[in-house]
Amino acid sequence: MDINIDLRKEKRDYANVYANIKKVLNYMMIIIVCLIFIGPFAWMFLTSFKSLGETLLFPPTIIPKEWHPENYIKAWQSGPFLRYLLNSVIVTVSIIVLQCLTIIPAAYAFARYEFKGKNFLFFIVMLTMMIPAQLIFLPLFLMMSKMSLINTYLSLILPFASSAFGIFLLRQRFMQIPDELIEAAKLDNASDVTILYKIMLPQAKSTLVTFILFSFISNWNDYFWPLVMTTKDTVRTLPLGVSMLKSTMDGISWNVLMAGNMILVVPIILIFLLAQKRIIDAFVYTGIK
């Protein structure tokens, strides 16, 4: 009897030790992952306040010995940064608005309508996600050139007026909405527009917000397409302005360059912090792992 009690106690002790080790390992993994993702941003932020001499020290310092907020002023005054910022806002917001106007009815049609060729058309939409942008930029450039749209906002906006990823994401969410809600609305003589905007979209709000955030990040950070389509500062976006910090100064002032990158990144971080709850909800509802 005493032996059985001792064995059970020993098993409990081993189980507690194992649980504690598992908890410590989980915390260590969380810390490592946080360092991997947050580390570069923290380094960029701290470097943006260092002097040029301190950025070149080896071994490098982590916390600036002296803080130099004037680096942000130098970055801002190195070119027409306000123009770049306004261009980025105009282009990004216009793209998101057009994408919402196109993907919402398309996703609703693929999710709730039955028509000939539906699966084939959806396959074509999904196929466009597999084509690299670098593969089609030349035909698009020639098209925009023939339409005299180079160095205009339209050349930066129109190629991204829709999104296959957005159609797929919303379609999956729309398909999870119970048919009973749709049937009840139809019994009340609700039109498709009413069903879409008063039933479907409120149910898919988190998914839509998540897509908008992804679209914002992608288009706000886009460097390649504005580089191809613009040659004038009047329509250049913020990523191009930040990249030109290298060529506007003698040598590379890493502190000023990091300050410019912080100006580029801060809007993304703020929007992500505001929308993070919606993102989590969208992943839970759509079953994305």
Protein backbone atom coordinates (compact mmCIF):
# COMPACT_ATOMS: atom_id res chain seq x y z
CA MET A 1 0.00 0.00 0.00
CA ASP A 2 2.77 2.42 0.94
CA ILE A 3 4.62 1.47 -2.23
CA ASN A 4 1.60 2.37 -4.39
CA ILE A 5 1.23 5.72 -2.61
CA ASP A 6 4.93 6.46 -3.16
CA LEU A 7 4.66 5.53 -6.83
CA ARG A 8 1.66 7.79 -7.36
CA LYS A 9 3.45 10.64 -5.58
CA GLU A 10 6.54 10.09 -7.69
CA LYS A 11 4.44 10.13 -10.88
CA ARG A 12 2.81 13.40 -9.80
CA ASP A 13 6.24 14.89 -9.11
CA TYR A 14 7.47 13.85 -12.55
CA ALA A 15 4.30 15.25 -14.14
CA ASN A 16 4.79 18.58 -12.34
CA VAL A 17 8.45 18.73 -13.36
CA TYR A 18 7.50 17.94 -16.98
CA ALA A 19 4.75 20.60 -16.94
CA ASN A 20 7.18 23.19 -15.55
CA ILE A 21 9.83 22.34 -18.16
CA LYS A 22 7.20 22.55 -20.91
CA LYS A 23 6.05 25.94 -19.62
CA VAL A 24 9.64 27.26 -19.51
CA LEU A 25 10.29 26.01 -23.05
CA ASN A 26 7.08 27.66 -24.28
CA TYR A 27 8.10 30.99 -22.76
CA MET A 28 11.58 30.65 -24.26
CA MET A 29 10.09 30.03 -27.72
CA ILE A 30 7.80 33.03 -27.35
CA ILE A 31 10.76 35.22 -26.38
CA ILE A 32 12.85 33.93 -29.31
CA VAL A 33 10.03 34.53 -31.81
CA CYS A 34 9.43 38.03 -30.42
CA LEU A 35 13.15 38.83 -30.74
CA ILE A 36 13.18 37.57 -34.33
CA PHE A 37 10.22 39.73 -35.37
CA ILE A 38 10.55 42.74 -33.06
CA GLY A 39 14.36 42.86 -32.99
CA PRO A 40 14.84 44.44 -36.44
CA PHE A 41 12.20 47.10 -35.75
CA ALA A 42 13.75 47.91 -32.38
CA TRP A 43 17.20 48.14 -33.97
CA MET A 44 15.88 50.41 -36.72
CA PHE A 45 14.13 52.65 -34.18
CA LEU A 46 17.19 52.99 -31.93
CA THR A 47 19.57 53.53 -34.88
CA SER A 48 17.36 56.35 -36.15
CA PHE A 49 18.30 58.34 -33.01
CA LYS A 50 22.07 57.69 -33.13
CA SER A 51 24.78 59.94 -34.53
CA LEU A 52 26.46 58.85 -37.76
CA GLY A 53 29.67 58.02 -35.90
CA GLU A 54 27.84 55.80 -33.44
CA THR A 55 26.17 53.80 -36.22
CA LEU A 56 29.64 52.84 -37.49
CA LEU A 57 31.03 51.67 -34.14
CA PHE A 58 32.10 48.05 -33.67
CA PRO A 59 30.95 46.39 -31.55
CA PRO A 60 27.72 48.28 -32.10
CA THR A 61 25.86 50.00 -29.30
CA ILE A 62 22.22 49.18 -28.64
CA ILE A 63 20.99 52.26 -26.76
CA PRO A 64 22.17 55.57 -28.29
CA LYS A 65 24.75 57.38 -26.16
CA GLU A 66 23.16 60.65 -27.28
CA TRP A 67 19.70 60.93 -28.79
CA HIS A 68 19.44 62.80 -32.09
CA PRO A 69 15.78 63.40 -33.05
CA GLU A 70 17.01 65.85 -35.70
CA ASN A 71 17.68 62.79 -37.89
CA TYR A 72 13.96 62.76 -38.67
CA ILE A 73 14.07 66.41 -39.70
CA LYS A 74 17.04 65.68 -41.99
CA ALA A 75 15.21 62.74 -43.56
CA TRP A 76 12.02 64.75 -44.05
CA GLN A 77 13.88 67.69 -45.58
CA SER A 78 16.05 65.56 -47.89
CA GLY A 79 13.33 65.64 -50.55
CA PRO A 80 9.63 66.37 -51.09
CA PHE A 81 8.61 63.86 -48.41
CA LEU A 82 5.21 65.46 -47.88
CA ARG A 83 4.50 64.94 -51.58
CA TYR A 84 5.66 61.32 -51.35
CA LEU A 85 3.46 60.78 -48.30
CA LEU A 86 0.39 62.27 -49.97
CA ASN A 87 1.02 60.19 -53.10
CA SER A 88 1.23 57.01 -51.02
CA VAL A 89 -2.02 57.87 -49.24
CA ILE A 90 -3.84 58.68 -52.50
CA VAL A 91 -2.63 55.56 -54.29
CA THR A 92 -3.16 53.15 -51.38
CA VAL A 93 -6.61 54.41 -50.41
CA SER A 94 -7.77 54.47 -54.05
CA ILE A 95 -6.61 50.88 -54.57
CA ILE A 96 -8.37 49.68 -51.42
CA VAL A 97 -11.64 51.42 -52.38
CA LEU A 98 -11.59 49.93 -55.89
CA GLN A 99 -10.72 46.49 -54.55
CA CYS A 100 -13.63 46.58 -52.13
CA LEU A 101 -15.98 47.63 -54.93
CA THR A 102 -14.87 44.68 -57.08
CA ILE A 103 -14.15 41.82 -54.68
CA ILE A 104 -17.31 42.11 -52.55
CA PRO A 105 -19.86 41.45 -55.36
CA ALA A 106 -17.51 38.90 -56.98
CA ALA A 107 -17.11 36.95 -53.74
CA TYR A 108 -20.88 37.07 -53.16
CA ALA A 109 -21.55 35.72 -56.66
CA PHE A 110 -19.05 32.87 -56.28
CA ALA A 111 -20.39 32.00 -52.83
CA ARG A 112 -24.17 32.22 -53.33
CA TYR A 113 -24.97 31.98 -57.05
CA GLU A 114 -25.06 28.92 -59.26
CA PHE A 115 -24.23 29.64 -62.90
CA LYS A 116 -22.60 27.89 -65.83
CA GLY A 117 -18.81 27.94 -65.71
CA LYS A 118 -18.69 29.09 -62.08
CA ASN A 119 -15.98 26.65 -61.00
CA PHE A 120 -13.89 27.33 -64.11
CA LEU A 121 -14.06 31.09 -63.59
CA PHE A 122 -13.11 30.72 -59.93
CA PHE A 123 -10.19 28.51 -61.02
CA ILE A 124 -9.04 31.30 -63.38
CA VAL A 125 -9.26 33.82 -60.53
CA MET A 126 -7.17 31.59 -58.28
CA LEU A 127 -4.70 30.99 -61.10
CA THR A 128 -3.87 34.70 -61.24
CA MET A 129 -2.51 34.44 -57.70
CA MET A 130 0.26 32.15 -58.99
CA ILE A 131 1.55 34.54 -61.67
CA PRO A 132 4.51 36.63 -60.44
CA ALA A 133 4.07 40.38 -60.88
CA GLN A 134 7.49 40.59 -62.57
CA LEU A 135 6.18 38.32 -65.34
CA ILE A 136 3.41 40.66 -66.45
CA PHE A 137 4.92 44.06 -65.68
CA LEU A 138 6.25 44.53 -69.24
CA PRO A 139 2.88 44.02 -71.01
CA LEU A 140 1.24 46.26 -68.40
CA PHE A 141 3.93 48.90 -68.85
CA LEU A 142 3.46 48.87 -72.64
CA MET A 143 -0.31 49.11 -72.18
CA MET A 144 0.00 52.06 -69.81
CA SER A 145 2.52 53.70 -72.12
CA LYS A 146 0.18 53.42 -75.14
CA MET A 147 -2.61 54.94 -73.03
CA SER A 148 -0.25 57.82 -71.99
CA LEU A 149 -0.68 56.94 -68.31
CA ILE A 150 3.00 56.85 -67.32
CA ASN A 151 3.68 59.28 -64.45
CA THR A 152 0.02 59.37 -63.45
CA TYR A 153 -1.90 58.05 -60.48
CA LEU A 154 -3.97 55.81 -62.75
CA SER A 155 -0.91 53.77 -63.75
CA LEU A 156 -0.27 53.05 -60.06
CA ILE A 157 -3.91 52.28 -59.22
CA LEU A 158 -5.63 50.49 -62.11
CA PRO A 159 -3.46 47.33 -62.23
CA PHE A 160 -4.46 46.61 -58.62
CA ALA A 161 -8.14 47.50 -58.84
CA SER A 162 -9.12 43.94 -57.90
CA SER A 163 -7.62 41.11 -55.85
CA ALA A 164 -7.90 37.35 -56.30
CA PHE A 165 -6.84 36.86 -52.69
CA GLY A 166 -9.61 39.18 -51.51
CA ILE A 167 -12.21 37.33 -53.58
CA PHE A 168 -11.06 34.00 -52.17
CA LEU A 169 -10.99 35.23 -48.57
CA LEU A 170 -14.46 36.82 -48.68
CA ARG A 171 -15.95 33.90 -50.61
CA GLN A 172 -14.84 31.50 -47.91
CA ARG A 173 -16.43 33.68 -45.23
CA PHE A 174 -19.66 34.18 -47.18
CA MET A 175 -20.01 30.41 -47.62
CA GLN A 176 -19.95 29.96 -43.83
CA ILE A 177 -22.98 32.20 -43.29
CA PRO A 178 -26.08 30.03 -42.62
CA ASP A 179 -28.47 29.61 -45.54
CA GLU A 180 -31.37 30.20 -43.16
CA LEU A 181 -30.44 33.89 -42.86
CA ILE A 182 -30.47 34.31 -46.62
CA GLU A 183 -33.76 32.46 -47.03
CA ALA A 184 -35.40 34.53 -44.28
CA ALA A 185 -34.27 37.73 -45.98
CA LYS A 186 -35.61 36.56 -49.34
CA LEU A 187 -38.97 35.77 -47.72
CA ASP A 188 -39.06 39.40 -46.63
CA ASN A 189 -38.51 40.41 -50.29
CA ALA A 190 -34.98 41.63 -49.63
CA SER A 191 -32.96 42.27 -52.77
CA ASP A 192 -29.49 40.87 -53.37
CA VAL A 193 -27.99 44.27 -52.63
CA THR A 194 -29.82 44.40 -49.29
CA ILE A 195 -28.76 40.85 -48.43
CA LEU A 196 -25.15 41.61 -49.34
CA TYR A 197 -24.78 44.87 -47.44
CA LYS A 198 -27.08 44.24 -44.46
CA ILE A 199 -26.51 40.53 -43.80
CA MET A 200 -23.38 39.25 -45.51
CA LEU A 201 -20.96 42.13 -44.94
CA PRO A 202 -21.74 42.64 -41.23
CA GLN A 203 -21.06 38.93 -40.74
CA ALA A 204 -17.81 39.20 -42.72
CA LYS A 205 -16.61 42.46 -41.22
CA SER A 206 -13.51 40.95 -39.58
CA THR A 207 -12.49 39.20 -42.78
CA LEU A 208 -12.92 42.37 -44.81
CA VAL A 209 -10.88 44.42 -42.32
CA THR A 210 -8.14 41.78 -42.44
CA PHE A 211 -8.00 41.94 -46.23
CA ILE A 212 -7.93 45.74 -46.15
CA LEU A 213 -4.97 45.62 -43.75
CA PHE A 214 -3.08 43.14 -45.95
CA SER A 215 -3.83 45.23 -49.02
CA PHE A 216 -2.72 48.40 -47.25
CA ILE A 217 0.61 46.85 -46.23
CA SER A 218 1.24 45.44 -49.69
CA ASN A 219 0.46 48.63 -51.60
CA TRP A 220 1.95 51.02 -49.05
CA ASN A 221 5.27 49.16 -49.21
CA ASP A 222 5.22 48.59 -52.96
CA TYR A 223 8.52 49.68 -54.46
CA PHE A 224 8.79 47.85 -57.77
CA TRP A 225 5.66 49.11 -59.55
CA PRO A 226 6.06 52.83 -58.70
CA LEU A 227 9.72 52.54 -59.73
CA VAL A 228 8.66 51.21 -63.14
CA MET A 229 5.77 53.62 -63.69
CA THR A 230 7.15 56.93 -62.41
CA THR A 231 10.06 59.21 -63.24
CA LYS A 232 8.79 62.38 -61.57
CA ASP A 233 8.59 63.31 -57.89
CA THR A 234 5.04 64.58 -58.38
CA VAL A 235 3.68 61.01 -58.42
CA ARG A 236 6.40 59.03 -56.64
CA THR A 237 5.44 57.24 -53.44
CA LEU A 238 7.07 57.07 -50.03
CA PRO A 239 9.10 53.84 -50.55
CA LEU A 240 10.83 55.47 -53.53
CA GLY A 241 11.49 58.60 -51.47
CA VAL A 242 13.09 56.56 -48.69
CA SER A 243 15.23 54.60 -51.17
CA MET A 244 16.52 57.87 -52.63
CA LEU A 245 17.92 58.93 -49.26
CA LYS A 246 21.01 56.92 -50.20
CA SER A 247 21.66 59.02 -53.29
CA THR A 248 20.87 62.43 -51.81
CA MET A 249 23.62 62.36 -49.17
CA ASP A 250 27.40 62.02 -49.24
CA GLY A 251 27.93 58.36 -48.45
CA ILE A 252 25.20 56.52 -46.55
CA SER A 253 23.99 58.18 -43.37
CA TRP A 254 22.52 55.11 -41.76
CA ASN A 255 20.91 57.08 -38.96
CA VAL A 256 18.99 59.31 -41.39
CA LEU A 257 18.13 56.33 -43.57
CA MET A 258 16.68 54.50 -40.55
CA ALA A 259 14.68 57.61 -39.67
CA GLY A 260 13.21 57.59 -43.18
CA ASN A 261 12.31 53.92 -42.83
CA MET A 262 10.60 54.65 -39.50
CA ILE A 263 8.46 57.29 -41.24
CA LEU A 264 7.48 54.60 -43.75
CA VAL A 265 6.76 51.89 -41.17
CA VAL A 266 4.91 53.81 -38.43
CA PRO A 267 1.54 54.05 -40.30
CA ILE A 268 1.58 50.28 -40.86
CA ILE A 269 2.26 49.57 -37.18
CA LEU A 270 -0.49 51.94 -36.04
CA ILE A 271 -3.08 50.46 -38.40
CA PHE A 272 -2.09 46.92 -37.40
CA LEU A 273 -2.50 47.75 -33.70
CA LEU A 274 -5.96 49.18 -34.38
CA ALA A 275 -7.06 46.18 -36.47
CA GLN A 276 -5.40 43.26 -34.67
CA LYS A 277 -8.62 42.10 -32.95
CA ARG A 278 -10.41 41.92 -36.30
CA ILE A 279 -7.52 39.92 -37.77
CA ILE A 280 -7.72 37.33 -34.99
CA ASP A 281 -11.50 37.08 -35.42
CA ALA A 282 -11.11 36.59 -39.18
CA PHE A 283 -8.63 33.75 -38.75
CA VAL A 284 -10.94 32.06 -36.23
CA TYR A 285 -14.03 32.37 -38.42
CA THR A 286 -12.43 31.35 -41.72
CA GLY A 287 -10.45 28.50 -40.21
CA ILE A 288 -7.09 29.79 -41.49
CA LYS A 289 -4.20 28.22 -39.61
